[in-house]
All heavy atoms as atom14 arrays in JSON, in Angstrom:
{
  "sequence": "ATHPFVWNVLIGSIINLPTFLIFGALGALAALTGRRREKLD",
  "atom14_mask": [
    [1, 1, 1, 1, 1, 0, 0, 0, 0, 0, 0, 0, 0, 0],
    [1, 1, 1, 1, 1, 1, 1, 0, 0, 0, 0, 0, 0, 0],
    [1, 1, 1, 1, 1, 1, 1, 1, 1, 1, 0, 0, 0, 0],
    [1, 1, 1, 1, 1, 1, 1, 0, 0, 0, 0, 0, 0, 0],
    [1, 1, 1, 1, 1, 1, 1, 1, 1, 1, 1, 0, 0, 0],
    [1, 1, 1, 1, 1, 1, 1, 0, 0, 0, 0, 0, 0, 0],
    [1, 1, 1, 1, 1, 1, 1, 1, 1, 1, 1, 1, 1, 1],
    [1, 1, 1, 1, 1, 1, 1, 1, 0, 0, 0, 0, 0, 0],
    [1, 1, 1, 1, 1, 1, 1, 0, 0, 0, 0, 0, 0, 0],
    [1, 1, 1, 1, 1, 1, 1, 1, 0, 0, 0, 0, 0, 0],
    [1, 1, 1, 1, 1, 1, 1, 1, 0, 0, 0, 0, 0, 0],
    [1, 1, 1, 1, 0, 0, 0, 0, 0, 0, 0, 0, 0, 0],
    [1, 1, 1, 1, 1, 1, 0, 0, 0, 0, 0, 0, 0, 0],
    [1, 1, 1, 1, 1, 1, 1, 1, 0, 0, 0, 0, 0, 0],
    [1, 1, 1, 1, 1, 1, 1, 1, 0, 0, 0, 0, 0, 0],
    [1, 1, 1, 1, 1, 1, 1, 1, 0, 0, 0, 0, 0, 0],
    [1, 1, 1, 1, 1, 1, 1, 1, 0, 0, 0, 0, 0, 0],
    [1, 1, 1, 1, 1, 1, 1, 0, 0, 0, 0, 0, 0, 0],
    [1, 1, 1, 1, 1, 1, 1, 0, 0, 0, 0, 0, 0, 0],
    [1, 1, 1, 1, 1, 1, 1, 1, 1, 1, 1, 0, 0, 0],
    [1, 1, 1, 1, 1, 1, 1, 1, 0, 0, 0, 0, 0, 0],
    [1, 1, 1, 1, 1, 1, 1, 1, 0, 0, 0, 0, 0, 0],
    [1, 1, 1, 1, 1, 1, 1, 1, 1, 1, 1, 0, 0, 0],
    [1, 1, 1, 1, 0, 0, 0, 0, 0, 0, 0, 0, 0, 0],
    [1, 1, 1, 1, 1, 0, 0, 0, 0, 0, 0, 0, 0, 0],
    [1, 1, 1, 1, 1, 1, 1, 1, 0, 0, 0, 0, 0, 0],
    [1, 1, 1, 1, 0, 0, 0, 0, 0, 0, 0, 0, 0, 0],
    [1, 1, 1, 1, 1, 0, 0, 0, 0, 0, 0, 0, 0, 0],
    [1, 1, 1, 1, 1, 1, 1, 1, 0, 0, 0, 0, 0, 0],
    [1, 1, 1, 1, 1, 0, 0, 0, 0, 0, 0, 0, 0, 0],
    [1, 1, 1, 1, 1, 0, 0, 0, 0, 0, 0, 0, 0, 0],
    [1, 1, 1, 1, 1, 1, 1, 1, 0, 0, 0, 0, 0, 0],
    [1, 1, 1, 1, 1, 1, 1, 0, 0, 0, 0, 0, 0, 0],
    [1, 1, 1, 1, 0, 0, 0, 0, 0, 0, 0, 0, 0, 0],
    [1, 1, 1, 1, 1, 1, 1, 1, 1, 1, 1, 0, 0, 0],
    [1, 1, 1, 1, 1, 1, 1, 1, 1, 1, 1, 0, 0, 0],
    [1, 1, 1, 1, 1, 1, 1, 1, 1, 1, 1, 0, 0, 0],
    [1, 1, 1, 1, 1, 1, 1, 1, 1, 0, 0, 0, 0, 0],
    [1, 1, 1, 1, 1, 1, 1, 1, 1, 0, 0, 0, 0, 0],
    [1, 1, 1, 1, 1, 1, 1, 1, 0, 0, 0, 0, 0, 0],
    [1, 1, 1, 1, 1, 1, 1, 1, 0, 0, 0, 0, 0, 0]
  ],
  "atom14_positions": [
    [[131.77, 23.54, 49.08], [131.06, 22.65, 49.98], [129.57, 22.92, 50.02], [128.73, 22.03, 50.24], [131.54, 22.83, 51.42], [0.0, 0.0, 0.0], [0.0, 0.0, 0.0], [0.0, 0.0, 0.0], [0.0, 0.0, 0.0], [0.0, 0.0, 0.0], [0.0, 0.0, 0.0], [0.0, 0.0, 0.0], [0.0, 0.0, 0.0], [0.0, 0.0, 0.0]],
    [[129.16, 24.13, 49.67], [127.69, 24.47, 49.58], [127.46, 25.17, 48.25], [128.31, 25.29, 47.44], [127.37, 25.42, 50.74], [128.11, 26.6, 50.67], [127.65, 24.78, 52.15], [0.0, 0.0, 0.0], [0.0, 0.0, 0.0], [0.0, 0.0, 0.0], [0.0, 0.0, 0.0], [0.0, 0.0, 0.0], [0.0, 0.0, 0.0], [0.0, 0.0, 0.0]],
    [[126.3, 25.72, 48.16], [125.93, 26.54, 47.05], [126.63, 27.88, 47.11], [126.87, 28.43, 48.18], [124.41, 26.72, 46.99], [123.9, 27.2, 45.72], [123.82, 28.54, 45.39], [123.46, 26.54, 44.63], [123.34, 28.71, 44.17], [123.1, 27.47, 43.62], [0.0, 0.0, 0.0], [0.0, 0.0, 0.0], [0.0, 0.0, 0.0], [0.0, 0.0, 0.0]],
    [[127.05, 28.43, 46.03], [127.67, 29.76, 46.08], [126.84, 30.89, 46.68], [127.35, 31.87, 47.13], [128.01, 30.07, 44.6], [128.06, 28.8, 43.87], [127.17, 27.87, 44.7], [0.0, 0.0, 0.0], [0.0, 0.0, 0.0], [0.0, 0.0, 0.0], [0.0, 0.0, 0.0], [0.0, 0.0, 0.0], [0.0, 0.0, 0.0], [0.0, 0.0, 0.0]],
    [[125.56, 30.63, 46.75], [124.63, 31.62, 47.36], [124.98, 31.77, 48.77], [124.84, 32.95, 49.31], [123.18, 30.99, 47.28], [122.18, 31.77, 48.06], [121.6, 32.96, 47.54], [121.75, 31.32, 49.31], [120.64, 33.62, 48.26], [120.88, 31.98, 50.0], [120.25, 33.16, 49.48], [0.0, 0.0, 0.0], [0.0, 0.0, 0.0], [0.0, 0.0, 0.0]],
    [[125.5, 30.75, 49.47], [125.8, 30.83, 50.91], [126.92, 31.88, 51.1], [126.85, 32.69, 51.98], [126.23, 29.48, 51.46], [126.78, 29.57, 52.86], [125.07, 28.5, 51.37], [0.0, 0.0, 0.0], [0.0, 0.0, 0.0], [0.0, 0.0, 0.0], [0.0, 0.0, 0.0], [0.0, 0.0, 0.0], [0.0, 0.0, 0.0], [0.0, 0.0, 0.0]],
    [[127.97, 31.86, 50.27], [129.05, 32.8, 50.38], [128.65, 34.17, 49.95], [128.88, 35.23, 50.64], [130.24, 32.39, 49.64], [131.41, 33.33, 49.82], [131.7, 34.37, 49.03], [132.31, 33.49, 50.86], [132.85, 35.13, 49.51], [133.15, 34.61, 50.7], [132.45, 32.73, 52.13], [134.11, 34.99, 51.58], [133.48, 33.12, 52.98], [134.31, 34.25, 52.7]],
    [[128.04, 34.25, 48.73], [127.71, 35.51, 48.16], [126.71, 36.38, 48.95], [126.83, 37.6, 49.11], [127.21, 35.36, 46.76], [128.29, 34.82, 45.85], [129.5, 34.97, 46.08], [127.88, 34.17, 44.81], [0.0, 0.0, 0.0], [0.0, 0.0, 0.0], [0.0, 0.0, 0.0], [0.0, 0.0, 0.0], [0.0, 0.0, 0.0], [0.0, 0.0, 0.0]],
    [[125.66, 35.66, 49.46], [124.56, 36.42, 50.12], [124.72, 36.35, 51.61], [124.69, 37.42, 52.3], [123.24, 35.93, 49.63], [122.07, 36.56, 50.37], [123.12, 36.07, 48.15], [0.0, 0.0, 0.0], [0.0, 0.0, 0.0], [0.0, 0.0, 0.0], [0.0, 0.0, 0.0], [0.0, 0.0, 0.0], [0.0, 0.0, 0.0], [0.0, 0.0, 0.0]],
    [[124.82, 35.19, 52.19], [124.85, 35.07, 53.61], [126.15, 35.52, 54.27], [126.11, 36.5, 55.07], [124.55, 33.66, 54.11], [123.22, 33.06, 53.59], [123.04, 31.6, 54.04], [122.07, 33.87, 54.22], [0.0, 0.0, 0.0], [0.0, 0.0, 0.0], [0.0, 0.0, 0.0], [0.0, 0.0, 0.0], [0.0, 0.0, 0.0], [0.0, 0.0, 0.0]],
    [[127.2, 34.95, 53.97], [128.52, 35.34, 54.5], [129.02, 36.56, 54.05], [129.47, 37.38, 54.75], [129.49, 34.1, 54.38], [129.03, 32.86, 55.04], [130.91, 34.49, 54.89], [129.86, 31.63, 54.85], [0.0, 0.0, 0.0], [0.0, 0.0, 0.0], [0.0, 0.0, 0.0], [0.0, 0.0, 0.0], [0.0, 0.0, 0.0], [0.0, 0.0, 0.0]],
    [[128.85, 36.88, 52.8], [129.28, 38.07, 52.12], [128.63, 39.28, 52.8], [129.25, 40.33, 52.94], [0.0, 0.0, 0.0], [0.0, 0.0, 0.0], [0.0, 0.0, 0.0], [0.0, 0.0, 0.0], [0.0, 0.0, 0.0], [0.0, 0.0, 0.0], [0.0, 0.0, 0.0], [0.0, 0.0, 0.0], [0.0, 0.0, 0.0], [0.0, 0.0, 0.0]],
    [[127.34, 39.19, 53.12], [126.64, 40.3, 53.66], [127.1, 40.57, 55.06], [127.07, 41.72, 55.61], [125.17, 40.14, 53.68], [124.83, 39.01, 54.46], [0.0, 0.0, 0.0], [0.0, 0.0, 0.0], [0.0, 0.0, 0.0], [0.0, 0.0, 0.0], [0.0, 0.0, 0.0], [0.0, 0.0, 0.0], [0.0, 0.0, 0.0], [0.0, 0.0, 0.0]],
    [[127.61, 39.52, 55.79], [128.11, 39.71, 57.15], [129.46, 40.29, 57.2], [129.74, 41.25, 57.95], [128.04, 38.39, 57.97], [126.55, 37.96, 58.13], [128.72, 38.53, 59.27], [126.41, 36.61, 58.71], [0.0, 0.0, 0.0], [0.0, 0.0, 0.0], [0.0, 0.0, 0.0], [0.0, 0.0, 0.0], [0.0, 0.0, 0.0], [0.0, 0.0, 0.0]],
    [[130.39, 39.76, 56.31], [131.81, 40.19, 56.4], [131.93, 41.58, 55.72], [133.02, 42.11, 55.84], [132.77, 39.22, 55.79], [132.56, 38.99, 54.33], [132.73, 37.89, 56.6], [133.61, 38.09, 53.63], [0.0, 0.0, 0.0], [0.0, 0.0, 0.0], [0.0, 0.0, 0.0], [0.0, 0.0, 0.0], [0.0, 0.0, 0.0], [0.0, 0.0, 0.0]],
    [[130.95, 42.04, 55.04], [131.07, 43.4, 54.48], [130.44, 44.46, 55.38], [130.21, 45.55, 54.99], [130.4, 43.46, 53.11], [131.27, 42.86, 51.97], [132.43, 43.03, 52.0], [130.56, 42.08, 51.12], [0.0, 0.0, 0.0], [0.0, 0.0, 0.0], [0.0, 0.0, 0.0], [0.0, 0.0, 0.0], [0.0, 0.0, 0.0], [0.0, 0.0, 0.0]],
    [[130.32, 44.14, 56.63], [129.93, 45.1, 57.63], [131.14, 45.67, 58.33], [132.18, 45.09, 58.2], [129.01, 44.46, 58.75], [127.67, 43.98, 58.22], [126.96, 43.15, 59.42], [126.8, 45.17, 57.92], [0.0, 0.0, 0.0], [0.0, 0.0, 0.0], [0.0, 0.0, 0.0], [0.0, 0.0, 0.0], [0.0, 0.0, 0.0], [0.0, 0.0, 0.0]],
    [[131.03, 46.84, 58.99], [132.17, 47.41, 59.71], [132.63, 46.45, 60.82], [131.86, 45.76, 61.47], [131.67, 48.69, 60.22], [130.45, 49.07, 59.38], [129.89, 47.77, 58.92], [0.0, 0.0, 0.0], [0.0, 0.0, 0.0], [0.0, 0.0, 0.0], [0.0, 0.0, 0.0], [0.0, 0.0, 0.0], [0.0, 0.0, 0.0], [0.0, 0.0, 0.0]],
    [[133.92, 46.46, 61.09], [134.53, 45.57, 62.03], [133.97, 45.81, 63.41], [133.66, 44.89, 64.17], [136.08, 45.71, 62.05], [136.53, 45.53, 60.72], [136.66, 44.82, 63.05], [0.0, 0.0, 0.0], [0.0, 0.0, 0.0], [0.0, 0.0, 0.0], [0.0, 0.0, 0.0], [0.0, 0.0, 0.0], [0.0, 0.0, 0.0], [0.0, 0.0, 0.0]],
    [[133.83, 47.08, 63.82], [133.35, 47.41, 65.13], [131.89, 46.91, 65.33], [131.53, 46.52, 66.41], [133.43, 48.89, 65.46], [132.45, 49.78, 64.73], [131.23, 50.03, 65.26], [132.86, 50.34, 63.48], [130.38, 50.87, 64.58], [131.99, 51.18, 62.83], [130.72, 51.5, 63.41], [0.0, 0.0, 0.0], [0.0, 0.0, 0.0], [0.0, 0.0, 0.0]],
    [[131.17, 46.91, 64.21], [129.76, 46.42, 64.37], [129.64, 44.94, 64.51], [128.84, 44.46, 65.39], [129.0, 46.85, 63.13], [127.49, 46.67, 63.12], [126.87, 47.58, 64.17], [126.91, 47.03, 61.72], [0.0, 0.0, 0.0], [0.0, 0.0, 0.0], [0.0, 0.0, 0.0], [0.0, 0.0, 0.0], [0.0, 0.0, 0.0], [0.0, 0.0, 0.0]],
    [[130.48, 44.22, 63.82], [130.52, 42.73, 63.94], [131.02, 42.3, 65.29], [130.27, 41.41, 66.01], [131.39, 42.11, 62.82], [130.7, 42.27, 61.47], [131.65, 40.61, 63.09], [131.61, 41.86, 60.28], [0.0, 0.0, 0.0], [0.0, 0.0, 0.0], [0.0, 0.0, 0.0], [0.0, 0.0, 0.0], [0.0, 0.0, 0.0], [0.0, 0.0, 0.0]],
    [[132.13, 42.84, 65.72], [132.63, 42.46, 67.02], [131.83, 42.99, 68.16], [131.74, 42.37, 69.28], [134.09, 42.84, 67.2], [135.03, 41.89, 66.51], [135.54, 42.15, 65.25], [135.37, 40.68, 67.12], [136.37, 41.31, 64.59], [136.27, 39.85, 66.48], [136.71, 40.11, 65.19], [0.0, 0.0, 0.0], [0.0, 0.0, 0.0], [0.0, 0.0, 0.0]],
    [[131.14, 44.1, 68.03], [130.24, 44.63, 69.03], [129.01, 43.7, 69.22], [128.6, 43.43, 70.34], [0.0, 0.0, 0.0], [0.0, 0.0, 0.0], [0.0, 0.0, 0.0], [0.0, 0.0, 0.0], [0.0, 0.0, 0.0], [0.0, 0.0, 0.0], [0.0, 0.0, 0.0], [0.0, 0.0, 0.0], [0.0, 0.0, 0.0], [0.0, 0.0, 0.0]],
    [[128.55, 43.24, 68.08], [127.36, 42.35, 68.14], [127.75, 40.95, 68.67], [127.04, 40.38, 69.56], [126.78, 42.09, 66.75], [0.0, 0.0, 0.0], [0.0, 0.0, 0.0], [0.0, 0.0, 0.0], [0.0, 0.0, 0.0], [0.0, 0.0, 0.0], [0.0, 0.0, 0.0], [0.0, 0.0, 0.0], [0.0, 0.0, 0.0], [0.0, 0.0, 0.0]],
    [[128.96, 40.48, 68.38], [129.39, 39.24, 68.95], [129.68, 39.36, 70.45], [129.33, 38.47, 71.27], [130.77, 38.77, 68.27], [130.58, 38.12, 66.89], [132.02, 37.87, 66.36], [129.82, 36.9, 66.98], [0.0, 0.0, 0.0], [0.0, 0.0, 0.0], [0.0, 0.0, 0.0], [0.0, 0.0, 0.0], [0.0, 0.0, 0.0], [0.0, 0.0, 0.0]],
    [[130.27, 40.54, 70.85], [130.47, 40.82, 72.3], [129.18, 40.89, 73.04], [129.03, 40.35, 74.19], [0.0, 0.0, 0.0], [0.0, 0.0, 0.0], [0.0, 0.0, 0.0], [0.0, 0.0, 0.0], [0.0, 0.0, 0.0], [0.0, 0.0, 0.0], [0.0, 0.0, 0.0], [0.0, 0.0, 0.0], [0.0, 0.0, 0.0], [0.0, 0.0, 0.0]],
    [[128.17, 41.58, 72.49], [126.89, 41.7, 73.14], [126.19, 40.32, 73.2], [125.58, 39.95, 74.29], [125.99, 42.72, 72.43], [0.0, 0.0, 0.0], [0.0, 0.0, 0.0], [0.0, 0.0, 0.0], [0.0, 0.0, 0.0], [0.0, 0.0, 0.0], [0.0, 0.0, 0.0], [0.0, 0.0, 0.0], [0.0, 0.0, 0.0], [0.0, 0.0, 0.0]],
    [[126.31, 39.54, 72.23], [125.69, 38.21, 72.23], [126.38, 37.3, 73.25], [125.68, 36.64, 74.02], [125.78, 37.56, 70.86], [125.04, 36.23, 70.72], [123.61, 36.34, 70.89], [125.44, 35.63, 69.35], [0.0, 0.0, 0.0], [0.0, 0.0, 0.0], [0.0, 0.0, 0.0], [0.0, 0.0, 0.0], [0.0, 0.0, 0.0], [0.0, 0.0, 0.0]],
    [[127.72, 37.33, 73.3], [128.39, 36.57, 74.3], [128.13, 37.02, 75.71], [128.04, 36.23, 76.7], [129.95, 36.55, 74.02], [0.0, 0.0, 0.0], [0.0, 0.0, 0.0], [0.0, 0.0, 0.0], [0.0, 0.0, 0.0], [0.0, 0.0, 0.0], [0.0, 0.0, 0.0], [0.0, 0.0, 0.0], [0.0, 0.0, 0.0], [0.0, 0.0, 0.0]],
    [[128.04, 38.4, 75.9], [127.75, 38.8, 77.24], [126.31, 38.5, 77.67], [126.07, 38.17, 78.82], [127.91, 40.37, 77.26], [0.0, 0.0, 0.0], [0.0, 0.0, 0.0], [0.0, 0.0, 0.0], [0.0, 0.0, 0.0], [0.0, 0.0, 0.0], [0.0, 0.0, 0.0], [0.0, 0.0, 0.0], [0.0, 0.0, 0.0], [0.0, 0.0, 0.0]],
    [[125.4, 38.55, 76.76], [124.02, 38.15, 77.05], [123.9, 36.73, 77.39], [123.21, 36.34, 78.31], [123.13, 38.51, 75.91], [121.63, 38.26, 76.07], [121.08, 39.29, 77.25], [120.92, 38.46, 74.83], [0.0, 0.0, 0.0], [0.0, 0.0, 0.0], [0.0, 0.0, 0.0], [0.0, 0.0, 0.0], [0.0, 0.0, 0.0], [0.0, 0.0, 0.0]],
    [[124.62, 35.89, 76.58], [124.53, 34.43, 76.78], [125.3, 34.02, 78.13], [124.83, 33.14, 78.83], [125.15, 33.68, 75.64], [124.54, 34.13, 74.43], [124.96, 32.17, 75.71], [0.0, 0.0, 0.0], [0.0, 0.0, 0.0], [0.0, 0.0, 0.0], [0.0, 0.0, 0.0], [0.0, 0.0, 0.0], [0.0, 0.0, 0.0], [0.0, 0.0, 0.0]],
    [[126.38, 34.69, 78.41], [127.2, 34.33, 79.57], [126.9, 35.02, 80.83], [127.67, 34.95, 81.81], [0.0, 0.0, 0.0], [0.0, 0.0, 0.0], [0.0, 0.0, 0.0], [0.0, 0.0, 0.0], [0.0, 0.0, 0.0], [0.0, 0.0, 0.0], [0.0, 0.0, 0.0], [0.0, 0.0, 0.0], [0.0, 0.0, 0.0], [0.0, 0.0, 0.0]],
    [[125.79, 35.76, 80.83], [125.5, 36.67, 82.03], [125.28, 35.7, 83.29], [124.83, 34.58, 83.12], [124.42, 37.64, 81.84], [123.01, 36.97, 81.77], [121.95, 37.97, 81.34], [120.68, 37.43, 81.4], [120.1, 36.68, 80.5], [120.84, 36.45, 79.4], [118.91, 36.19, 80.63], [0.0, 0.0, 0.0], [0.0, 0.0, 0.0], [0.0, 0.0, 0.0]],
    [[125.52, 36.28, 84.41], [125.14, 35.58, 85.66], [123.71, 35.59, 85.79], [122.99, 36.58, 85.76], [125.81, 36.17, 86.87], [127.3, 36.01, 86.89], [127.91, 36.54, 88.16], [129.29, 36.17, 88.29], [130.26, 36.99, 87.96], [130.03, 38.19, 87.49], [131.56, 36.69, 88.08], [0.0, 0.0, 0.0], [0.0, 0.0, 0.0], [0.0, 0.0, 0.0]],
    [[123.14, 34.36, 86.19], [121.75, 34.26, 86.37], [121.35, 34.66, 87.78], [122.17, 34.44, 88.75], [121.32, 32.74, 86.18], [121.72, 32.24, 84.84], [121.02, 32.93, 83.76], [121.22, 32.1, 82.45], [121.91, 32.57, 81.45], [122.48, 33.69, 81.51], [122.05, 31.77, 80.37], [0.0, 0.0, 0.0], [0.0, 0.0, 0.0], [0.0, 0.0, 0.0]],
    [[120.25, 35.27, 87.96], [119.75, 35.65, 89.31], [119.17, 34.5, 90.0], [118.47, 33.72, 89.44], [118.77, 36.85, 89.14], [119.31, 38.08, 88.69], [118.3, 39.21, 88.67], [117.29, 39.15, 89.43], [118.43, 40.16, 87.96], [0.0, 0.0, 0.0], [0.0, 0.0, 0.0], [0.0, 0.0, 0.0], [0.0, 0.0, 0.0], [0.0, 0.0, 0.0]],
    [[119.47, 34.41, 91.28], [118.84, 33.3, 92.03], [117.41, 33.7, 92.33], [117.22, 34.89, 92.83], [119.61, 33.03, 93.33], [120.62, 31.94, 93.21], [121.1, 31.61, 94.59], [121.84, 30.35, 94.52], [122.36, 29.91, 95.85], [0.0, 0.0, 0.0], [0.0, 0.0, 0.0], [0.0, 0.0, 0.0], [0.0, 0.0, 0.0], [0.0, 0.0, 0.0]],
    [[116.52, 32.79, 92.16], [115.14, 33.06, 92.44], [114.73, 32.2, 93.62], [114.71, 30.96, 93.5], [114.3, 32.78, 91.21], [112.79, 33.08, 91.31], [112.56, 34.53, 91.57], [112.09, 32.61, 90.04], [0.0, 0.0, 0.0], [0.0, 0.0, 0.0], [0.0, 0.0, 0.0], [0.0, 0.0, 0.0], [0.0, 0.0, 0.0], [0.0, 0.0, 0.0]],
    [[114.41, 32.78, 94.75], [114.01, 32.09, 95.88], [112.47, 32.11, 95.98], [111.91, 33.3, 96.15], [114.58, 32.62, 97.14], [116.09, 32.46, 97.22], [116.53, 31.43, 96.66], [116.82, 33.29, 97.73], [0.0, 0.0, 0.0], [0.0, 0.0, 0.0], [0.0, 0.0, 0.0], [0.0, 0.0, 0.0], [0.0, 0.0, 0.0], [0.0, 0.0, 0.0]]
  ]
}
């Protein structure tokens, strides 16, 4: 669907990381994005 560069360099560099690092980053990103906003009066 794309150039082989996308799999070899972009996706390949991500999936060749340790599992705890990938899921930890995803969890931190989801927690940061879904955090409760403070009410500002």
